[in-house]
Amino acid sequence: MKILFKKLRNHRGIVQFFATLLSNLNVHNFFKGTIYSGDAKSICVPGLNCYSCPAATGACPIGAFQAVVGSSKFNFAYYVTGLILLFGVLVGRLTCGFLCPFGWFQDLLHKIPTKKFSTKKFVFLKYIKYFMLFFVVFFLGLLFTDVGGNSVPYFCKYICPVGILEGGIPLSTANSAIANAIGTLFAWKFVILIIIIILAVFFYRPFCKYICPLGAFYALLNRVSFYKYYIDKDKCINCGRCAKKCKMDVDICKNQSALECIRCGECINECPTSAISTSLSKK
């Protein structure tokens, strides 16, 4: 198992590529300007991947949760919650590091050769994503519903840049009817997307760090997840190289269950004494 984890960490980009591909198998729909609506669409993917993406295989967990959170009549609400709880309890934010298409998109943007900047001075902004999770996604969806118990997906509709990237732009490009219906909401979300893209080039994963409610949900489960990081105190020489290497501003030596850790494994590869290890079983 340890050898498998090591191989996956060393080829994280490849894992991210296949996770994105599996979340978007219906690539031919990009040319049709239509959305896949088959049976698989009732299953949520683990990462943030827009339901409106023409190629999307399954549903986005945040979008699905928002749509039904305000109604006790929908068993689907319990299913969605249970699914993301399952991923969170098993591996925590490893889902963000390996299985999220928008996380991979930001990783690719950050590889563009230019000067990079630290985000340590902006660590206080991390609380925004918890506001997005508890207020925008949960409470607004819970309080404001129609007669059928359906909620307006406020986060997806007004904030999330994934929808405009994966859904709005491809659909409006291939479908003239949708292109003619573009309005101010499209423009507003397009501006948000452009801002995120620019920031991701210079700062590592700004959306994941400060805005993503799904990342906030998984983060809260980092402390109880089965997949854990461990420090061998006999091997650790307190060189600080792991903390300097971490782009999520985590000092793994001080906190192996840090909420911001996406379990990417960069600290493990950086450690000169192999003092950092992982396990799926509680030690």
Protein backbone atom coordinates (compact mmCIF):
# COMPACT_ATOMS: atom_id res chain seq x y z
CA MET A 1 0.00 0.00 0.00
CA LYS A 2 2.85 2.40 0.87
CA ILE A 3 4.46 1.73 -2.51
CA LEU A 4 1.15 2.50 -4.24
CA PHE A 5 0.77 5.78 -2.33
CA LYS A 6 4.33 6.72 -3.27
CA LYS A 7 3.73 6.06 -6.96
CA LEU A 8 0.53 8.08 -6.91
CA ARG A 9 2.28 11.01 -5.18
CA ASN A 10 5.15 10.94 -7.64
CA HIS A 11 2.72 11.03 -10.56
CA ARG A 12 0.11 13.36 -9.11
CA GLY A 13 -0.36 15.23 -12.38
CA ILE A 14 -1.25 12.01 -14.18
CA VAL A 15 -3.70 11.06 -11.42
CA GLN A 16 -5.31 14.51 -11.71
CA PHE A 17 -5.59 14.13 -15.47
CA PHE A 18 -7.39 10.79 -15.26
CA ALA A 19 -9.63 12.02 -12.43
CA THR A 20 -10.64 14.96 -14.64
CA LEU A 21 -11.17 12.64 -17.62
CA LEU A 22 -13.35 10.24 -15.63
CA SER A 23 -15.40 13.20 -14.43
CA ASN A 24 -15.86 14.35 -18.05
CA LEU A 25 -16.13 11.30 -20.30
CA ASN A 26 -18.69 12.77 -22.71
CA VAL A 27 -16.19 14.93 -24.61
CA HIS A 28 -18.22 14.74 -27.84
CA ASN A 29 -20.88 16.95 -26.24
CA PHE A 30 -18.51 19.91 -26.46
CA PHE A 31 -19.07 19.92 -30.21
CA LYS A 32 -22.85 19.53 -29.90
CA GLY A 33 -23.33 22.24 -27.29
CA THR A 34 -25.50 19.92 -25.18
CA ILE A 35 -25.31 18.52 -21.66
CA TYR A 36 -25.19 14.80 -20.86
CA SER A 37 -28.28 13.87 -18.82
CA GLY A 38 -28.01 10.09 -18.53
CA ASP A 39 -28.29 7.91 -15.43
CA ALA A 40 -24.70 8.58 -14.37
CA LYS A 41 -25.63 12.23 -13.81
CA SER A 42 -27.42 11.21 -10.62
CA ILE A 43 -24.07 10.24 -9.10
CA CYS A 44 -21.84 12.94 -7.62
CA VAL A 45 -18.15 13.11 -8.48
CA PRO A 46 -15.79 13.77 -5.52
CA GLY A 47 -14.26 17.00 -6.86
CA LEU A 48 -15.64 20.33 -8.04
CA ASN A 49 -16.87 19.68 -11.58
CA CYS A 50 -19.84 21.61 -12.95
CA TYR A 51 -23.07 19.75 -13.76
CA SER A 52 -23.50 22.06 -16.78
CA CYS A 53 -20.22 21.01 -18.36
CA PRO A 54 -21.14 19.31 -21.68
CA ALA A 55 -18.75 16.46 -20.94
CA ALA A 56 -19.65 16.03 -17.26
CA THR A 57 -20.21 12.39 -16.32
CA GLY A 58 -21.76 13.05 -12.90
CA ALA A 59 -23.09 15.85 -10.75
CA CYS A 60 -21.14 18.38 -8.73
CA PRO A 61 -21.53 17.63 -4.98
CA ILE A 62 -21.87 21.31 -4.05
CA GLY A 63 -24.43 22.02 -6.77
CA ALA A 64 -26.41 18.90 -5.91
CA PHE A 65 -26.33 19.64 -2.20
CA GLN A 66 -27.52 23.22 -2.71
CA ALA A 67 -30.41 22.14 -4.89
CA VAL A 68 -31.97 19.88 -2.27
CA VAL A 69 -30.62 21.00 1.12
CA GLY A 70 -33.84 22.86 1.95
CA SER A 71 -36.15 19.89 1.59
CA SER A 72 -36.51 16.85 3.82
CA LYS A 73 -38.53 15.20 1.04
CA PHE A 74 -35.46 14.52 -1.07
CA ASN A 75 -33.56 11.37 -0.15
CA PHE A 76 -30.96 12.62 -2.61
CA ALA A 77 -29.95 15.25 -0.05
CA TYR A 78 -28.88 12.52 2.35
CA TYR A 79 -27.14 10.65 -0.44
CA VAL A 80 -25.07 13.69 -1.46
CA THR A 81 -24.13 14.46 2.13
CA GLY A 82 -23.22 10.83 2.74
CA LEU A 83 -21.07 10.64 -0.38
CA ILE A 84 -18.92 13.67 0.40
CA LEU A 85 -18.73 12.53 4.03
CA LEU A 86 -17.42 9.18 2.77
CA PHE A 87 -14.64 10.78 0.74
CA GLY A 88 -13.86 13.19 3.55
CA VAL A 89 -13.69 10.56 6.27
CA LEU A 90 -11.55 8.26 4.13
CA VAL A 91 -8.97 10.70 2.78
CA GLY A 92 -9.86 14.26 3.84
CA ARG A 93 -8.50 16.95 1.52
CA LEU A 94 -6.53 14.42 -0.51
CA THR A 95 -9.57 14.72 -2.76
CA CYS A 96 -8.59 18.36 -3.39
CA GLY A 97 -5.01 17.44 -4.13
CA PHE A 98 -5.64 14.52 -6.47
CA LEU A 99 -9.25 14.27 -7.64
CA CYS A 100 -10.54 17.81 -8.21
CA PRO A 101 -10.57 19.03 -11.85
CA PHE A 102 -10.55 22.71 -10.90
CA GLY A 103 -7.68 22.10 -8.50
CA TRP A 104 -5.71 20.57 -11.37
CA PHE A 105 -6.62 23.54 -13.57
CA GLN A 106 -5.10 25.88 -11.01
CA ASP A 107 -2.01 23.68 -10.70
CA LEU A 108 -1.47 23.94 -14.46
CA LEU A 109 -1.88 27.72 -14.37
CA HIS A 110 0.68 27.97 -11.59
CA LYS A 111 3.22 26.13 -13.75
CA ILE A 112 3.31 29.07 -16.18
CA PRO A 113 6.84 30.44 -15.84
CA THR A 114 6.66 33.75 -13.99
CA LYS A 115 7.49 35.15 -10.57
CA LYS A 116 5.57 33.40 -7.79
CA PHE A 117 4.36 35.00 -4.56
CA SER A 118 3.77 33.57 -1.10
CA THR A 119 0.28 33.61 0.37
CA LYS A 120 1.36 33.40 4.02
CA LYS A 121 0.42 37.04 4.62
CA PHE A 122 -3.12 36.30 3.46
CA VAL A 123 -3.74 33.26 5.65
CA PHE A 124 -6.67 35.03 7.35
CA LEU A 125 -8.59 34.86 4.06
CA LYS A 126 -8.96 31.09 4.46
CA TYR A 127 -12.04 31.67 6.60
CA ILE A 128 -13.96 32.96 3.58
CA LYS A 129 -14.45 29.41 2.28
CA TYR A 130 -16.09 28.39 5.56
CA PHE A 131 -18.44 31.35 5.21
CA MET A 132 -19.22 30.10 1.70
CA LEU A 133 -19.91 26.60 3.02
CA PHE A 134 -22.05 27.41 6.06
CA PHE A 135 -23.82 30.59 4.94
CA VAL A 136 -23.99 30.69 1.14
CA VAL A 137 -24.31 26.94 0.49
CA PHE A 138 -26.07 25.67 3.61
CA PHE A 139 -28.09 28.41 5.32
CA LEU A 140 -29.28 30.25 2.21
CA GLY A 141 -30.28 26.95 0.64
CA LEU A 142 -32.00 25.86 3.83
CA LEU A 143 -33.94 29.08 4.38
CA PHE A 144 -34.98 30.08 0.87
CA THR A 145 -36.84 27.36 -1.01
CA ASP A 146 -39.78 27.22 -3.37
CA VAL A 147 -43.03 25.30 -2.75
CA GLY A 148 -41.43 22.13 -4.03
CA GLY A 149 -38.58 22.36 -1.56
CA ASN A 150 -36.02 23.29 -4.22
CA SER A 151 -33.31 25.78 -3.34
CA VAL A 152 -31.55 28.31 -5.52
CA PRO A 153 -27.91 27.22 -5.90
CA TYR A 154 -26.58 30.61 -4.84
CA PHE A 155 -22.91 29.66 -4.85
CA CYS A 156 -23.05 27.99 -8.26
CA LYS A 157 -25.20 30.71 -9.77
CA TYR A 158 -23.45 33.83 -8.53
CA ILE A 159 -19.92 32.91 -7.42
CA CYS A 160 -18.44 29.65 -8.68
CA PRO A 161 -16.04 30.20 -11.62
CA VAL A 162 -16.12 26.50 -12.52
CA GLY A 163 -19.58 26.85 -14.04
CA ILE A 164 -18.54 29.55 -16.46
CA LEU A 165 -15.30 27.74 -17.36
CA GLU A 166 -16.74 24.28 -17.90
CA GLY A 167 -20.33 25.12 -18.77
CA GLY A 168 -20.99 28.72 -19.79
CA ILE A 169 -18.12 29.23 -22.21
CA PRO A 170 -18.29 25.82 -24.02
CA LEU A 171 -22.10 25.88 -24.30
CA SER A 172 -22.27 29.47 -25.56
CA THR A 173 -19.53 28.72 -28.08
CA ALA A 174 -21.23 25.66 -29.57
CA ASN A 175 -24.88 26.62 -29.09
CA SER A 176 -26.11 29.82 -30.75
CA ALA A 177 -29.34 29.89 -28.71
CA ILE A 178 -27.37 29.95 -25.48
CA ALA A 179 -24.95 32.51 -26.92
CA ASN A 180 -27.86 34.84 -27.71
CA ALA A 181 -29.14 34.54 -24.15
CA ILE A 182 -25.89 35.70 -22.52
CA GLY A 183 -26.49 38.51 -20.04
CA THR A 184 -24.99 40.34 -17.08
CA LEU A 185 -24.75 37.21 -14.92
CA PHE A 186 -22.50 35.59 -17.52
CA ALA A 187 -20.33 38.71 -17.61
CA TRP A 188 -20.13 38.85 -13.80
CA LYS A 189 -19.01 35.25 -13.46
CA PHE A 190 -16.63 35.61 -16.40
CA VAL A 191 -14.91 38.44 -14.52
CA ILE A 192 -14.61 36.21 -11.43
CA LEU A 193 -13.08 33.47 -13.57
CA ILE A 194 -10.52 35.84 -15.11
CA ILE A 195 -9.53 37.11 -11.67
CA ILE A 196 -9.05 33.55 -10.39
CA ILE A 197 -7.01 32.61 -13.47
CA ILE A 198 -4.69 35.61 -13.07
CA LEU A 199 -4.25 35.01 -9.35
CA ALA A 200 -3.58 31.28 -9.88
CA VAL A 201 -0.63 32.10 -12.13
CA PHE A 202 1.11 34.05 -9.35
CA PHE A 203 -0.37 32.50 -6.19
CA TYR A 204 -0.86 28.78 -5.59
CA ARG A 205 -4.52 27.64 -5.71
CA PRO A 206 -6.26 30.86 -4.57
CA PHE A 207 -9.72 29.41 -5.15
CA CYS A 208 -8.97 26.32 -3.06
CA LYS A 209 -7.42 28.33 -0.26
CA TYR A 210 -9.99 31.08 0.09
CA ILE A 211 -13.28 30.38 -1.68
CA CYS A 212 -14.11 26.71 -2.31
CA PRO A 213 -16.88 25.38 0.00
CA LEU A 214 -16.14 21.79 -1.00
CA GLY A 215 -12.53 22.27 0.09
CA ALA A 216 -13.84 23.70 3.38
CA PHE A 217 -16.02 20.63 3.88
CA TYR A 218 -13.14 18.22 3.27
CA ALA A 219 -10.84 20.37 5.40
CA LEU A 220 -13.06 19.94 8.44
CA LEU A 221 -12.68 16.17 8.04
CA ASN A 222 -8.87 16.20 7.80
CA ARG A 223 -8.59 15.64 11.55
CA VAL A 224 -10.80 12.56 11.58
CA SER A 225 -9.95 11.02 8.21
CA PHE A 226 -8.38 7.57 8.04
CA TYR A 227 -5.68 8.79 5.68
CA LYS A 228 -3.16 10.53 7.93
CA TYR A 229 0.30 12.04 7.88
CA TYR A 230 2.79 11.03 10.56
CA ILE A 231 6.13 12.42 11.74
CA ASP A 232 8.85 10.13 13.04
CA LYS A 233 10.37 12.30 15.79
CA ASP A 234 13.49 10.13 15.86
CA LYS A 235 14.17 10.88 12.20
CA CYS A 236 13.05 14.51 12.05
CA ILE A 237 15.95 16.98 12.27
CA ASN A 238 13.73 20.11 12.35
CA CYS A 239 15.28 21.49 9.17
CA GLY A 240 12.06 23.23 8.15
CA ARG A 241 12.34 22.18 4.52
CA CYS A 242 8.86 20.63 4.50
CA ALA A 243 7.25 23.88 5.67
CA LYS A 244 9.15 25.92 3.08
CA LYS A 245 8.15 23.51 0.32
CA CYS A 246 4.44 23.49 1.18
CA LYS A 247 2.45 25.74 -1.17
CA MET A 248 -0.59 25.50 1.09
CA ASP A 249 1.36 27.19 3.93
CA VAL A 250 1.25 24.17 6.22
CA ASP A 251 3.97 23.13 8.68
CA ILE A 252 3.36 19.40 8.70
CA CYS A 253 5.80 18.89 11.59
CA LYS A 254 3.62 21.01 13.87
CA ASN A 255 0.23 19.80 12.68
CA GLN A 256 -0.21 16.55 10.75
CA SER A 257 -3.97 17.13 10.48
CA ALA A 258 -3.85 20.76 9.33
CA LEU A 259 -7.11 21.84 7.72
CA GLU A 260 -5.33 23.44 4.76
CA CYS A 261 -3.25 20.36 3.88
CA ILE A 262 -4.36 18.85 0.57
CA ARG A 263 -2.15 15.76 1.09
CA CYS A 264 -0.21 16.39 -2.12
CA GLY A 265 2.93 14.73 -0.73
CA GLU A 266 5.41 17.47 -1.65
CA CYS A 267 6.65 17.58 1.95
CA ILE A 268 7.36 13.84 1.86
CA ASN A 269 9.47 14.17 -1.26
CA GLU A 270 11.30 17.15 0.26
CA CYS A 271 12.16 15.54 3.61
CA PRO A 272 15.90 14.61 3.66
CA THR A 273 15.49 11.95 6.37
CA SER A 274 12.20 10.30 5.29
CA ALA A 275 10.63 11.33 8.59
CA ILE A 276 7.19 11.93 7.06
CA SER A 277 4.91 9.02 6.25
CA THR A 278 1.25 8.35 5.51
CA SER A 279 -1.17 5.61 6.37
CA LEU A 280 -4.83 4.73 5.81
CA SER A 281 -5.08 3.11 9.23
CA LYS A 282 -5.12 4.97 12.52
CA LYS A 283 -1.80 4.56 14.32
